[in-house]
Amino acid sequence: MKEMDTVNTVTLKDTKTGEHPQFPAEDVFICVGTLPLNGAFKNLDITNEEGYVVTDEAMATKIPGIYAAGDIRDKTLRQIVTATDDGSIAAKSVQHYIDNLES
């Protein structure tokens, strides 16, 4: 069995001084950024000033049939657990929308 690498320290860069202090650490949570990837939505006028898609609680935008889920949404908490919840709600909302189109 191969032994796993472990984290013992984290080295950060002080952007003001250029120094690289090290801190002891046992775990690391990696954040890949907070800028929304919204290129496909910019011309639809469904994003706020920061570029996040505005939805209601059913994940619906102001355009009928267009839903958004996850970190692209305008919300206060962006974590994978909330994004998966959004996806479940959006899927249910889309199914309801499609079912009502056939009526």
PDB file of N, CA and C in Angstrom:
ATOM      1  N   MET A   1       0.844  -1.174   0.000  1.00  0.00           N
ATOM      2  CA  MET A   1       0.000   0.000   0.000  1.00  0.00           C
ATOM      3  C   MET A   1       0.894   1.244   0.000  1.00  0.00           C
ATOM      4  N   LYS A   2       0.593   2.183  -0.879  1.00  0.00           N
ATOM      5  CA  LYS A   2       1.378   3.403  -0.974  1.00  0.00           C
ATOM      6  C   LYS A   2       0.986   4.376   0.130  1.00  0.00           C
ATOM      7  N   GLU A   3       1.984   4.925   0.775  1.00  0.00           N
ATOM      8  CA  GLU A   3       1.728   5.904   1.826  1.00  0.00           C
ATOM      9  C   GLU A   3       1.305   7.236   1.186  1.00  0.00           C
ATOM     10  N   MET A   4       0.297   7.874   1.759  1.00  0.00           N
ATOM     11  CA  MET A   4      -0.199   9.137   1.226  1.00  0.00           C
ATOM     12  C   MET A   4       0.659  10.301   1.698  1.00  0.00           C
ATOM     13  N   ASP A   5       0.793  11.296   0.840  1.00  0.00           N
ATOM     14  CA  ASP A   5       1.467  12.522   1.236  1.00  0.00           C
ATOM     15  C   ASP A   5       0.598  13.255   2.234  1.00  0.00           C
ATOM     16  N   THR A   6       1.225  13.925   3.171  1.00  0.00           N
ATOM     17  CA  THR A   6       0.474  14.693   4.152  1.00  0.00           C
ATOM     18  C   THR A   6       0.950  16.136   4.155  1.00  0.00           C
ATOM     19  N   VAL A   7       0.088  16.997   4.607  1.00  0.00           N
ATOM     20  CA  VAL A   7       0.417  18.417   4.731  1.00  0.00           C
ATOM     21  C   VAL A   7       0.942  18.669   6.132  1.00  0.00           C
ATOM     22  N   ASN A   8       2.094  19.312   6.219  1.00  0.00           N
ATOM     23  CA  ASN A   8       2.660  19.680   7.512  1.00  0.00           C
ATOM     24  C   ASN A   8       2.718  21.193   7.703  1.00  0.00           C
ATOM     25  N   THR A   9       2.958  21.903   6.606  1.00  0.00           N
ATOM     26  CA  THR A   9       3.027  23.359   6.656  1.00  0.00           C
ATOM     27  C   THR A   9       2.413  23.947   5.396  1.00  0.00           C
ATOM     28  N   VAL A  10       2.036  25.195   5.509  1.00  0.00           N
ATOM     29  CA  VAL A  10       1.539  25.960   4.373  1.00  0.00           C
ATOM     30  C   VAL A  10       2.399  27.203   4.260  1.00  0.00           C
ATOM     31  N   THR A  11       2.876  27.477   3.048  1.00  0.00           N
ATOM     32  CA  THR A  11       3.666  28.677   2.802  1.00  0.00           C
ATOM     33  C   THR A  11       2.798  29.673   2.054  1.00  0.00           C
ATOM     34  N   LEU A  12       2.691  30.866   2.600  1.00  0.00           N
ATOM     35  CA  LEU A  12       1.904  31.922   1.976  1.00  0.00           C
ATOM     36  C   LEU A  12       2.831  33.024   1.490  1.00  0.00           C
ATOM     37  N   LYS A  13       2.332  33.815   0.551  1.00  0.00           N
ATOM     38  CA  LYS A  13       3.104  34.970   0.093  1.00  0.00           C
ATOM     39  C   LYS A  13       2.419  36.238   0.574  1.00  0.00           C
ATOM     40  N   ASP A  14       3.158  37.052   1.309  1.00  0.00           N
ATOM     41  CA  ASP A  14       2.666  38.358   1.735  1.00  0.00           C
ATOM     42  C   ASP A  14       2.811  39.284   0.537  1.00  0.00           C
ATOM     43  N   THR A  15       1.692  39.705  -0.043  1.00  0.00           N
ATOM     44  CA  THR A  15       1.746  40.511  -1.266  1.00  0.00           C
ATOM     45  C   THR A  15       2.246  41.928  -1.029  1.00  0.00           C
ATOM     46  N   LYS A  16       2.288  42.350   0.227  1.00  0.00           N
ATOM     47  CA  LYS A  16       2.811  43.686   0.537  1.00  0.00           C
ATOM     48  C   LYS A  16       4.321  43.678   0.746  1.00  0.00           C
ATOM     49  N   THR A  17       4.809  42.654   1.441  1.00  0.00           N
ATOM     50  CA  THR A  17       6.247  42.618   1.772  1.00  0.00           C
ATOM     51  C   THR A  17       7.039  41.675   0.880  1.00  0.00           C
ATOM     52  N   GLY A  18       6.351  40.754   0.195  1.00  0.00           N
ATOM     53  CA  GLY A  18       7.038  39.776  -0.625  1.00  0.00           C
ATOM     54  C   GLY A  18       7.583  38.595   0.176  1.00  0.00           C
ATOM     55  N   GLU A  19       7.410  38.622   1.492  1.00  0.00           N
ATOM     56  CA  GLU A  19       7.895  37.531   2.335  1.00  0.00           C
ATOM     57  C   GLU A  19       7.025  36.284   2.151  1.00  0.00           C
ATOM     58  N   HIS A  20       7.600  35.131   2.511  1.00  0.00           N
ATOM     59  CA  HIS A  20       6.916  33.849   2.386  1.00  0.00           C
ATOM     60  C   HIS A  20       6.893  33.135   3.740  1.00  0.00           C
ATOM     61  N   PRO A  21       6.038  33.579   4.668  1.00  0.00           N
ATOM     62  CA  PRO A  21       5.995  32.921   5.978  1.00  0.00           C
ATOM     63  C   PRO A  21       5.370  31.531   5.881  1.00  0.00           C
ATOM     64  N   GLN A  22       5.819  30.637   6.756  1.00  0.00           N
ATOM     65  CA  GLN A  22       5.262  29.287   6.821  1.00  0.00           C
ATOM     66  C   GLN A  22       4.442  29.127   8.091  1.00  0.00           C
ATOM     67  N   PHE A  23       3.360  28.349   7.977  1.00  0.00           N
ATOM     68  CA  PHE A  23       2.468  28.102   9.096  1.00  0.00           C
ATOM     69  C   PHE A  23       2.222  26.608   9.212  1.00  0.00           C
ATOM     70  N   PRO A  24       2.194  26.084  10.433  1.00  0.00           N
ATOM     71  CA  PRO A  24       1.876  24.655  10.583  1.00  0.00           C
ATOM     72  C   PRO A  24       0.434  24.393  10.162  1.00  0.00           C
ATOM     73  N   ALA A  25       0.219  23.249   9.527  1.00  0.00           N
ATOM     74  CA  ALA A  25      -1.127  22.897   9.072  1.00  0.00           C
ATOM     75  C   ALA A  25      -1.246  21.388   8.974  1.00  0.00           C
ATOM     76  N   GLU A  26      -2.453  20.882   9.254  1.00  0.00           N
ATOM     77  CA  GLU A  26      -2.722  19.459   9.105  1.00  0.00           C
ATOM     78  C   GLU A  26      -3.646  19.177   7.924  1.00  0.00           C
ATOM     79  N   ASP A  27      -4.436  20.157   7.556  1.00  0.00           N
ATOM     80  CA  ASP A  27      -5.383  20.010   6.454  1.00  0.00           C
ATOM     81  C   ASP A  27      -5.355  21.269   5.605  1.00  0.00           C
ATOM     82  N   VAL A  28      -5.808  21.140   4.369  1.00  0.00           N
ATOM     83  CA  VAL A  28      -5.848  22.275   3.452  1.00  0.00           C
ATOM     84  C   VAL A  28      -7.187  22.247   2.715  1.00  0.00           C
ATOM     85  N   PHE A  29      -7.850  23.382   2.646  1.00  0.00           N
ATOM     86  CA  PHE A  29      -9.057  23.551   1.843  1.00  0.00           C
ATOM     87  C   PHE A  29      -8.691  24.493   0.712  1.00  0.00           C
ATOM     88  N   ILE A  30      -8.782  24.027  -0.524  1.00  0.00           N
ATOM     89  CA  ILE A  30      -8.346  24.821  -1.668  1.00  0.00           C
ATOM     90  C   ILE A  30      -9.536  25.572  -2.256  1.00  0.00           C
ATOM     91  N   CYS A  31      -9.395  26.867  -2.390  1.00  0.00           N
ATOM     92  CA  CYS A  31     -10.401  27.719  -3.024  1.00  0.00           C
ATOM     93  C   CYS A  31      -9.884  28.063  -4.415  1.00  0.00           C
ATOM     94  N   VAL A  32     -10.673  27.783  -5.434  1.00  0.00           N
ATOM     95  CA  VAL A  32     -10.219  28.016  -6.800  1.00  0.00           C
ATOM     96  C   VAL A  32     -10.664  29.373  -7.344  1.00  0.00           C
ATOM     97  N   GLY A  33     -11.293  30.173  -6.516  1.00  0.00           N
ATOM     98  CA  GLY A  33     -11.679  31.503  -6.960  1.00  0.00           C
ATOM     99  C   GLY A  33     -13.143  31.789  -6.737  1.00  0.00           C
ATOM    100  N   THR A  34     -13.503  33.038  -6.913  1.00  0.00           N
ATOM    101  CA  THR A  34     -14.887  33.438  -6.679  1.00  0.00           C
ATOM    102  C   THR A  34     -15.504  34.172  -7.870  1.00  0.00           C
ATOM    103  N   LEU A  35     -14.826  34.201  -8.988  1.00  0.00           N
ATOM    104  CA  LEU A  35     -15.394  34.872 -10.154  1.00  0.00           C
ATOM    105  C   LEU A  35     -16.337  33.919 -10.889  1.00  0.00           C
ATOM    106  N   PRO A  36     -17.578  34.342 -11.121  1.00  0.00           N
ATOM    107  CA  PRO A  36     -18.521  33.459 -11.800  1.00  0.00           C
ATOM    108  C   PRO A  36     -18.163  33.289 -13.273  1.00  0.00           C
ATOM    109  N   LEU A  37     -18.272  32.070 -13.787  1.00  0.00           N
ATOM    110  CA  LEU A  37     -18.069  31.808 -15.216  1.00  0.00           C
ATOM    111  C   LEU A  37     -19.407  32.032 -15.906  1.00  0.00           C
ATOM    112  N   ASN A  38     -19.659  33.276 -16.312  1.00  0.00           N
ATOM    113  CA  ASN A  38     -20.992  33.669 -16.753  1.00  0.00           C
ATOM    114  C   ASN A  38     -21.077  34.084 -18.217  1.00  0.00           C
ATOM    115  N   GLY A  39     -20.090  33.744 -19.009  1.00  0.00           N
ATOM    116  CA  GLY A  39     -20.072  34.171 -20.406  1.00  0.00           C
ATOM    117  C   GLY A  39     -21.333  33.823 -21.174  1.00  0.00           C
ATOM    118  N   ALA A  40     -21.894  32.655 -20.912  1.00  0.00           N
ATOM    119  CA  ALA A  40     -23.088  32.221 -21.636  1.00  0.00           C
ATOM    120  C   ALA A  40     -24.331  33.011 -21.246  1.00  0.00           C
ATOM    121  N   PHE A  41     -24.274  33.741 -20.156  1.00  0.00           N
ATOM    122  CA  PHE A  41     -25.471  34.410 -19.635  1.00  0.00           C
ATOM    123  C   PHE A  41     -25.444  35.931 -19.755  1.00  0.00           C
ATOM    124  N   LYS A  42     -24.300  36.490 -20.126  1.00  0.00           N
ATOM    125  CA  LYS A  42     -24.152  37.951 -20.116  1.00  0.00           C
ATOM    126  C   LYS A  42     -25.184  38.670 -20.976  1.00  0.00           C
ATOM    127  N   ASN A  43     -25.523  38.141 -22.130  1.00  0.00           N
ATOM    128  CA  ASN A  43     -26.455  38.818 -23.035  1.00  0.00           C
ATOM    129  C   ASN A  43     -27.921  38.554 -22.708  1.00  0.00           C
ATOM    130  N   LEU A  44     -28.188  37.751 -21.673  1.00  0.00           N
ATOM    131  CA  LEU A  44     -29.573  37.425 -21.319  1.00  0.00           C
ATOM    132  C   LEU A  44     -30.170  38.370 -20.283  1.00  0.00           C
ATOM    133  N   ASP A  45     -29.358  39.242 -19.736  1.00  0.00           N
ATOM    134  CA  ASP A  45     -29.812  40.195 -18.717  1.00  0.00           C
ATOM    135  C   ASP A  45     -30.421  39.486 -17.504  1.00  0.00           C
ATOM    136  N   ILE A  46     -29.733  38.421 -17.040  1.00  0.00           N
ATOM    137  CA  ILE A  46     -30.201  37.701 -15.853  1.00  0.00           C
ATOM    138  C   ILE A  46     -29.138  37.689 -14.759  1.00  0.00           C
ATOM    139  N   THR A  47     -28.080  38.474 -14.944  1.00  0.00           N
ATOM    140  CA  THR A  47     -27.020  38.528 -13.931  1.00  0.00           C
ATOM    141  C   THR A  47     -27.091  39.846 -13.168  1.00  0.00           C
ATOM    142  N   ASN A  48     -26.538  39.819 -11.952  1.00  0.00           N
ATOM    143  CA  ASN A  48     -26.471  41.046 -11.162  1.00  0.00           C
ATOM    144  C   ASN A  48     -25.174  41.789 -11.494  1.00  0.00           C
ATOM    145  N   GLU A  49     -24.879  42.846 -10.759  1.00  0.00           N
ATOM    146  CA  GLU A  49     -23.697  43.680 -11.024  1.00  0.00           C
ATOM    147  C   GLU A  49     -22.391  42.897 -10.891  1.00  0.00           C
ATOM    148  N   GLU A  50     -22.375  41.892 -10.015  1.00  0.00           N
ATOM    149  CA  GLU A  50     -21.169  41.086  -9.800  1.00  0.00           C
ATOM    150  C   GLU A  50     -21.042  39.950 -10.808  1.00  0.00           C
ATOM    151  N   GLY A  51     -22.064  39.723 -11.619  1.00  0.00           N
ATOM    152  CA  GLY A  51     -22.016  38.680 -12.636  1.00  0.00           C
ATOM    153  C   GLY A  51     -22.689  37.380 -12.264  1.00  0.00           C
ATOM    154  N   TYR A  52     -23.329  37.323 -11.094  1.00  0.00           N
ATOM    155  CA  TYR A  52     -24.031  36.116 -10.669  1.00  0.00           C
ATOM    156  C   TYR A  52     -25.455  36.115 -11.214  1.00  0.00           C
ATOM    157  N   VAL A  53     -25.968  34.923 -11.532  1.00  0.00           N
ATOM    158  CA  VAL A  53     -27.319  34.783 -12.073  1.00  0.00           C
ATOM    159  C   VAL A  53     -28.329  34.918 -10.939  1.00  0.00           C
ATOM    160  N   VAL A  54     -29.320  35.754 -11.146  1.00  0.00           N
ATOM    161  CA  VAL A  54     -30.374  35.986 -10.150  1.00  0.00           C
ATOM    162  C   VAL A  54     -31.500  34.982 -10.384  1.00  0.00           C
ATOM    163  N   THR A  55     -31.868  34.263  -9.312  1.00  0.00           N
ATOM    164  CA  THR A  55     -32.957  33.280  -9.393  1.00  0.00           C
ATOM    165  C   THR A  55     -33.891  33.448  -8.205  1.00  0.00           C
ATOM    166  N   ASP A  56     -35.019  32.768  -8.305  1.00  0.00           N
ATOM    167  CA  ASP A  56     -35.899  32.664  -7.141  1.00  0.00           C
ATOM    168  C   ASP A  56     -35.545  31.380  -6.397  1.00  0.00           C
ATOM    169  N   GLU A  57     -36.330  31.003  -5.397  1.00  0.00           N
ATOM    170  CA  GLU A  57     -36.035  29.813  -4.592  1.00  0.00           C
ATOM    171  C   GLU A  57     -36.171  28.506  -5.374  1.00  0.00           C
ATOM    172  N   ALA A  58     -36.889  28.552  -6.519  1.00  0.00           N
ATOM    173  CA  ALA A  58     -37.030  27.370  -7.366  1.00  0.00           C
ATOM    174  C   ALA A  58     -35.917  27.309  -8.417  1.00  0.00           C
ATOM    175  N   MET A  59     -34.940  28.208  -8.314  1.00  0.00           N
ATOM    176  CA  MET A  59     -33.795  28.303  -9.223  1.00  0.00           C
ATOM    177  C   MET A  59     -34.162  28.874 -10.586  1.00  0.00           C
ATOM    178  N   ALA A  60     -35.363  29.423 -10.715  1.00  0.00           N
ATOM    179  CA  ALA A  60     -35.816  30.004 -11.979  1.00  0.00           C
ATOM    180  C   ALA A  60     -35.295  31.432 -12.127  1.00  0.00           C
ATOM    181  N   THR A  61     -34.878  31.755 -13.344  1.00  0.00           N
ATOM    182  CA  THR A  61     -34.501  33.136 -13.652  1.00  0.00           C
ATOM    183  C   THR A  61     -35.749  33.873 -14.103  1.00  0.00           C
ATOM    184  N   LYS A  62     -35.593  35.127 -14.495  1.00  0.00           N
ATOM    185  CA  LYS A  62     -36.757  35.877 -14.968  1.00  0.00           C
ATOM    186  C   LYS A  62     -37.165  35.470 -16.381  1.00  0.00           C
ATOM    187  N   ILE A  63     -36.373  34.606 -17.031  1.00  0.00           N
ATOM    188  CA  ILE A  63     -36.723  34.095 -18.361  1.00  0.00           C
ATOM    189  C   ILE A  63     -37.330  32.702 -18.198  1.00  0.00           C
ATOM    190  N   PRO A  64     -38.590  32.517 -18.597  1.00  0.00           N
ATOM    191  CA  PRO A  64     -39.238  31.212 -18.441  1.00  0.00           C
ATOM    192  C   PRO A  64     -38.418  30.093 -19.097  1.00  0.00           C
ATOM    193  N   GLY A  65     -38.216  29.009 -18.341  1.00  0.00           N
ATOM    194  CA  GLY A  65     -37.492  27.857 -18.852  1.00  0.00           C
ATOM    195  C   GLY A  65     -35.988  27.897 -18.644  1.00  0.00           C
ATOM    196  N   ILE A  66     -35.464  28.984 -18.104  1.00  0.00           N
ATOM    197  CA  ILE A  66     -34.023  29.076 -17.828  1.00  0.00           C
ATOM    198  C   ILE A  66     -33.821  29.077 -16.324  1.00  0.00           C
ATOM    199  N   TYR A  67     -33.053  28.088 -15.864  1.00  0.00           N
ATOM    200  CA  TYR A  67     -32.783  27.882 -14.446  1.00  0.00           C
ATOM    201  C   TYR A  67     -31.281  27.929 -14.216  1.00  0.00           C
ATOM    202  N   ALA A  68     -30.889  28.240 -13.003  1.00  0.00           N
ATOM    203  CA  ALA A  68     -29.469  28.238 -12.636  1.00  0.00           C
ATOM    204  C   ALA A  68     -29.311  27.544 -11.301  1.00  0.00           C
ATOM    205  N   ALA A  69     -28.174  26.883 -11.121  1.00  0.00           N
ATOM    206  CA  ALA A  69     -27.905  26.177  -9.868  1.00  0.00           C
ATOM    207  C   ALA A  69     -26.422  26.270  -9.550  1.00  0.00           C
ATOM    208  N   GLY A  70     -26.121  26.260  -8.265  1.00  0.00           N
ATOM    209  CA  GLY A  70     -24.726  26.232  -7.839  1.00  0.00           C
ATOM    210  C   GLY A  70     -24.130  27.604  -7.643  1.00  0.00           C
ATOM    211  N   ASP A  71     -22.816  27.652  -7.784  1.00  0.00           N
ATOM    212  CA  ASP A  71     -22.084  28.867  -7.451  1.00  0.00           C
ATOM    213  C   ASP A  71     -22.257  30.010  -8.443  1.00  0.00           C
ATOM    214  N   ILE A  72     -22.910  29.775  -9.566  1.00  0.00           N
ATOM    215  CA  ILE A  72     -23.199  30.855 -10.512  1.00  0.00           C
ATOM    216  C   ILE A  72     -24.348  31.724 -10.010  1.00  0.00           C
ATOM    217  N   ARG A  73     -25.128  31.182  -9.039  1.00  0.00           N
ATOM    218  CA  ARG A  73     -26.286  31.901  -8.502  1.00  0.00           C
ATOM    219  C   ARG A  73     -25.871  33.019  -7.564  1.00  0.00           C
ATOM    220  N   ASP A  74     -26.699  34.041  -7.506  1.00  0.00           N
ATOM    221  CA  ASP A  74     -26.543  35.130  -6.541  1.00  0.00           C
ATOM    222  C   ASP A  74     -27.028  34.621  -5.193  1.00  0.00           C
ATOM    223  N   LYS A  75     -26.074  34.321  -4.282  1.00  0.00           N
ATOM    224  CA  LYS A  75     -26.411  33.839  -2.948  1.00  0.00           C
ATOM    225  C   LYS A  75     -25.253  34.155  -2.014  1.00  0.00           C
ATOM    226  N   THR A  76     -25.493  34.003  -0.728  1.00  0.00           N
ATOM    227  CA  THR A  76     -24.472  34.403   0.243  1.00  0.00           C
ATOM    228  C   THR A  76     -23.430  33.327   0.503  1.00  0.00           C
ATOM    229  N   LEU A  77     -23.790  32.051   0.355  1.00  0.00           N
ATOM    230  CA  LEU A  77     -22.859  30.968   0.662  1.00  0.00           C
ATOM    231  C   LEU A  77     -22.596  30.145  -0.587  1.00  0.00           C
ATOM    232  N   ARG A  78     -21.329  30.012  -0.936  1.00  0.00           N
ATOM    233  CA  ARG A  78     -20.955  29.219  -2.107  1.00  0.00           C
ATOM    234  C   ARG A  78     -20.056  28.083  -1.652  1.00  0.00           C
ATOM    235  N   GLN A  79     -20.642  26.921  -1.541  1.00  0.00           N
ATOM    236  CA  GLN A  79     -19.923  25.699  -1.177  1.00  0.00           C
ATOM    237  C   GLN A  79     -20.564  24.545  -1.921  1.00  0.00           C
ATOM    238  N   ILE A  80     -19.806  23.472  -2.094  1.00  0.00           N
ATOM    239  CA  ILE A  80     -20.318  22.341  -2.863  1.00  0.00           C
ATOM    240  C   ILE A  80     -21.620  21.797  -2.294  1.00  0.00           C
ATOM    241  N   VAL A  81     -21.764  21.813  -0.988  1.00  0.00           N
ATOM    242  CA  VAL A  81     -22.981  21.271  -0.387  1.00  0.00           C
ATOM    243  C   VAL A  81     -24.200  22.113  -0.763  1.00  0.00           C
ATOM    244  N   THR A  82     -24.061  23.420  -0.859  1.00  0.00           N
ATOM    245  CA  THR A  82     -25.199  24.252  -1.264  1.00  0.00           C
ATOM    246  C   THR A  82     -25.432  24.146  -2.763  1.00  0.00           C
ATOM    247  N   ALA A  83     -24.382  23.939  -3.538  1.00  0.00           N
ATOM    248  CA  ALA A  83     -24.518  23.799  -4.987  1.00  0.00           C
ATOM    249  C   ALA A  83     -25.277  22.518  -5.336  1.00  0.00           C
ATOM    250  N   THR A  84     -25.019  21.434  -4.618  1.00  0.00           N
ATOM    251  CA  THR A  84     -25.735  20.193  -4.897  1.00  0.00           C
ATOM    252  C   THR A  84     -27.211  20.317  -4.529  1.00  0.00           C
ATOM    253  N   ASP A  85     -27.489  21.037  -3.464  1.00  0.00           N
ATOM    254  CA  ASP A  85     -28.881  21.305  -3.086  1.00  0.00           C
ATOM    255  C   ASP A  85     -29.570  22.105  -4.190  1.00  0.00           C
ATOM    256  N   ASP A  86     -28.899  23.128  -4.689  1.00  0.00           N
ATOM    257  CA  ASP A  86     -29.447  23.936  -5.788  1.00  0.00           C
ATOM    258  C   ASP A  86     -29.760  23.059  -6.998  1.00  0.00           C
ATOM    259  N   GLY A  87     -28.853  22.134  -7.308  1.00  0.00           N
ATOM    260  CA  GLY A  87     -29.054  21.257  -8.462  1.00  0.00           C
ATOM    261  C   GLY A  87     -30.289  20.392  -8.318  1.00  0.00           C
ATOM    262  N   SER A  88     -30.528  19.889  -7.125  1.00  0.00           N
ATOM    263  CA  SER A  88     -31.721  19.079  -6.874  1.00  0.00           C
ATOM    264  C   SER A  88     -32.991  19.904  -7.049  1.00  0.00           C
ATOM    265  N   ILE A  89     -32.975  21.103  -6.513  1.00  0.00           N
ATOM    266  CA  ILE A  89     -34.144  21.986  -6.634  1.00  0.00           C
ATOM    267  C   ILE A  89     -34.364  22.369  -8.090  1.00  0.00           C
ATOM    268  N   ALA A  90     -33.290  22.707  -8.795  1.00  0.00           N
ATOM    269  CA  ALA A  90     -33.413  23.090 -10.202  1.00  0.00           C
ATOM    270  C   ALA A  90     -33.959  21.940 -11.038  1.00  0.00           C
ATOM    271  N   ALA A  91     -33.480  20.717 -10.804  1.00  0.00           N
ATOM    272  CA  ALA A  91     -33.963  19.560 -11.563  1.00  0.00           C
ATOM    273  C   ALA A  91     -35.461  19.358 -11.355  1.00  0.00           C
ATOM    274  N   LYS A  92     -35.911  19.468 -10.122  1.00  0.00           N
ATOM    275  CA  LYS A  92     -37.343  19.338  -9.818  1.00  0.00           C
ATOM    276  C   LYS A  92     -38.140  20.456 -10.493  1.00  0.00           C
ATOM    277  N   SER A  93     -37.612  21.673 -10.459  1.00  0.00           N
ATOM    278  CA  SER A  93     -38.298  22.814 -11.077  1.00  0.00           C
ATOM    279  C   SER A  93     -38.372  22.670 -12.590  1.00  0.00           C
ATOM    280  N   VAL A  94     -37.288  22.202 -13.214  1.00  0.00           N
ATOM    281  CA  VAL A  94     -37.280  21.998 -14.661  1.00  0.00           C
ATOM    282  C   VAL A  94     -38.295  20.920 -15.050  1.00  0.00           C
ATOM    283  N   GLN A  95     -38.338  19.834 -14.281  1.00  0.00           N
ATOM    284  CA  GLN A  95     -39.305  18.770 -14.566  1.00  0.00           C
ATOM    285  C   GLN A  95     -40.733  19.305 -14.492  1.00  0.00           C
ATOM    286  N   HIS A  96     -41.018  20.100 -13.480  1.00  0.00           N
ATOM    287  CA  HIS A  96     -42.348  20.713 -13.349  1.00  0.00           C
ATOM    288  C   HIS A  96     -42.641  21.619 -14.550  1.00  0.00           C
ATOM    289  N   TYR A  97     -41.660  22.409 -14.958  1.00  0.00           N
ATOM    290  CA  TYR A  97     -41.816  23.312 -16.104  1.00  0.00           C
ATOM    291  C   TYR A  97     -42.130  22.515 -17.376  1.00  0.00           C
ATOM    292  N   ILE A  98     -41.362  21.453 -17.625  1.00  0.00           N
ATOM    293  CA  ILE A  98     -41.564  20.629 -18.815  1.00  0.00           C
ATOM    294  C   ILE A  98     -42.919  19.938 -18.785  1.00  0.00           C
ATOM    295  N   ASP A  99     -43.287  19.394 -17.637  1.00  0.00           N
ATOM    296  CA  ASP A  99     -44.583  18.732 -17.509  1.00  0.00           C
ATOM    297  C   ASP A  99     -45.733  19.685 -17.828  1.00  0.00           C
ATOM    298  N   ASN A 100     -45.602  20.936 -17.424  1.00  0.00           N
ATOM    299  CA  ASN A 100     -46.661  21.920 -17.668  1.00  0.00           C
ATOM    300  C   ASN A 100     -46.671  22.435 -19.100  1.00  0.00           C
ATOM    301  N   LEU A 101     -45.562  22.286 -19.836  1.00  0.00           N
ATOM    302  CA  LEU A 101     -45.540  22.664 -21.252  1.00  0.00           C
ATOM    303  C   LEU A 101     -46.417  21.730 -22.073  1.00  0.00           C
ATOM    304  N   GLU A 102     -46.447  20.474 -21.658  1.00  0.00           N
ATOM    305  CA  GLU A 102     -47.195  19.460 -22.405  1.00  0.00           C
ATOM    306  C   GLU A 102     -48.700  19.570 -22.167  1.00  0.00           C
ATOM    307  N   SER A 103     -49.132  20.322 -21.177  1.00  0.00           N
ATOM    308  CA  SER A 103     -50.559  20.428 -20.838  1.00  0.00           C
ATOM    309  C   SER A 103     -51.301  21.319 -21.813  1.00  0.00           C
TER     310      SER A 103
END
